[in-house]
Amino acid sequence: MKLTEELLNKMEQKKELYGDGIIMPDGDYRLIQDGHLKTLMSLLPYTENELWKMIPEDDSALFWLVEKTGCVLTDVNSTIGMKMTPEQQNTFEALSCRGIISGEYYDLTKQREKTHARQSS
């Protein structure tokens, strides 16, 4: 969903319904319906079974999916992702400044670099 002032006002009134979601690389905000993991898996052109085979055993499935999709995960307690696109940053700021999602952002970029270095050793 593209954020408009009207939608932000609606979201602000019912924050508990709108905090759990993902911010797509283009800034589009999508609510999750079956958990962050399954939502991210549904964005990739593989079956869930194929994806589980692709994810290294010593890696976090959620963090791996964040990296592969480029999405930012949101909830009321924290927000995680990689380096945000300008569009993601705009959506994040619009939602967090109204208290719809947490303003706590955890950038996984360095963690992912360390994971790749460890896996290639």
Protein backbone atom coordinates (compact mmCIF):
# COMPACT_ATOMS: atom_id res chain seq x y z
CA MET A 1 0.00 0.00 0.00
CA LYS A 2 1.25 3.43 -0.85
CA LEU A 3 1.19 5.71 2.14
CA THR A 4 -1.05 8.74 1.95
CA GLU A 5 -1.85 11.25 4.67
CA GLU A 6 -5.34 9.75 4.95
CA LEU A 7 -3.98 6.22 5.34
CA LEU A 8 -1.39 7.35 7.89
CA ASN A 9 -4.13 8.98 9.96
CA LYS A 10 -6.18 5.77 9.83
CA MET A 11 -3.14 3.69 10.78
CA GLU A 12 -2.32 6.02 13.66
CA GLN A 13 -5.78 5.45 15.15
CA LYS A 14 -5.43 1.63 15.06
CA LYS A 15 -1.68 1.11 15.46
CA GLU A 16 -2.05 -2.47 16.69
CA LEU A 17 -3.39 -3.48 13.26
CA TYR A 18 -0.61 -1.92 11.19
CA GLY A 19 2.74 -2.45 12.95
CA ASP A 20 3.61 -5.91 11.65
CA GLY A 21 4.63 -5.56 8.04
CA ILE A 22 7.36 -5.22 5.48
CA ILE A 23 8.62 -2.23 3.57
CA MET A 24 9.38 -3.22 -0.01
CA PRO A 25 12.46 -1.74 -1.75
CA ASP A 26 10.16 0.66 -3.65
CA GLY A 27 8.75 1.96 -0.34
CA ASP A 28 5.44 0.10 -0.61
CA TYR A 29 4.21 -1.05 2.82
CA ARG A 30 2.62 -4.49 3.13
CA LEU A 31 0.98 -5.99 6.16
CA ILE A 32 2.03 -9.51 7.00
CA GLN A 33 -0.60 -12.17 7.39
CA ASP A 34 1.30 -15.38 8.06
CA GLY A 35 4.44 -14.17 9.82
CA HIS A 36 7.46 -12.33 8.49
CA LEU A 37 9.24 -15.51 7.39
CA LYS A 38 6.43 -16.85 5.19
CA THR A 39 5.69 -13.37 3.84
CA LEU A 40 9.30 -12.96 2.68
CA MET A 41 9.34 -16.47 1.24
CA SER A 42 6.24 -15.67 -0.83
CA LEU A 43 8.11 -12.83 -2.54
CA LEU A 44 10.72 -15.12 -4.08
CA PRO A 45 10.12 -17.31 -7.16
CA TYR A 46 10.80 -20.57 -5.33
CA THR A 47 8.74 -23.00 -3.29
CA GLU A 48 9.15 -22.95 0.47
CA ASN A 49 10.89 -26.34 0.23
CA GLU A 50 13.37 -25.03 -2.35
CA LEU A 51 14.11 -21.99 -0.20
CA TRP A 52 14.86 -24.09 2.88
CA LYS A 53 17.44 -25.99 0.80
CA MET A 54 19.04 -22.70 -0.31
CA ILE A 55 19.39 -21.19 3.17
CA PRO A 56 22.71 -22.20 4.78
CA GLU A 57 22.23 -24.27 7.92
CA ASP A 58 24.45 -21.97 9.97
CA ASP A 59 22.56 -18.84 8.94
CA SER A 60 19.43 -17.09 10.15
CA ALA A 61 16.62 -17.85 7.71
CA LEU A 62 14.96 -14.52 8.45
CA PHE A 63 18.14 -12.49 7.93
CA TRP A 64 18.96 -14.44 4.74
CA LEU A 65 15.49 -13.64 3.38
CA VAL A 66 15.81 -9.96 4.33
CA GLU A 67 19.03 -9.82 2.33
CA LYS A 68 17.62 -11.69 -0.70
CA THR A 69 14.38 -9.68 -0.89
CA GLY A 70 15.75 -6.29 0.11
CA CYS A 71 12.75 -5.81 2.41
CA VAL A 72 12.65 -4.12 5.80
CA LEU A 73 10.71 -5.94 8.54
CA THR A 74 8.57 -3.87 10.89
CA ASP A 75 6.74 -4.47 14.12
CA VAL A 76 5.83 -2.46 17.18
CA ASN A 77 9.10 -3.31 18.98
CA SER A 78 11.79 -3.06 16.33
CA THR A 79 12.52 -2.70 12.64
CA ILE A 80 15.26 -4.65 10.86
CA GLY A 81 16.72 -4.65 7.40
CA MET A 82 19.76 -3.86 5.33
CA LYS A 83 20.79 -0.42 4.13
CA MET A 84 17.46 1.17 3.22
CA THR A 85 16.58 2.61 -0.16
CA PRO A 86 15.48 6.28 -0.09
CA GLU A 87 11.89 5.07 -0.63
CA GLN A 88 12.14 2.66 2.32
CA GLN A 89 13.62 5.43 4.45
CA ASN A 90 10.69 7.72 3.64
CA THR A 91 8.14 5.03 4.54
CA PHE A 92 10.03 4.11 7.71
CA GLU A 93 10.12 7.74 8.86
CA ALA A 94 6.43 8.30 8.04
CA LEU A 95 5.40 5.23 10.08
CA SER A 96 7.83 5.58 12.97
CA CYS A 97 7.27 9.28 13.61
CA ARG A 98 3.57 8.50 14.18
CA GLY A 99 4.34 5.57 16.47
CA ILE A 100 2.84 2.99 14.08
CA ILE A 101 6.12 1.06 14.03
CA SER A 102 9.16 1.21 16.27
CA GLY A 103 11.78 3.82 15.54
CA GLU A 104 14.43 1.30 16.63
CA TYR A 105 16.19 0.30 13.41
CA TYR A 106 18.67 -2.55 13.30
CA ASP A 107 20.78 -2.45 10.15
CA LEU A 108 21.92 -6.00 9.33
CA THR A 109 24.43 -4.97 6.65
CA LYS A 110 27.58 -5.51 8.75
CA GLN A 111 26.18 -8.68 10.31
CA ARG A 112 25.50 -10.09 6.83
CA GLU A 113 29.04 -9.20 5.70
CA LYS A 114 30.44 -11.12 8.68
CA THR A 115 28.18 -14.09 7.91
CA HIS A 116 29.39 -14.19 4.30
CA ALA A 117 33.04 -13.99 5.41
CA ARG A 118 32.51 -16.84 7.89
CA GLN A 119 30.73 -19.00 5.30
CA SER A 120 33.43 -18.50 2.68
CA SER A 121 36.24 -19.46 5.08
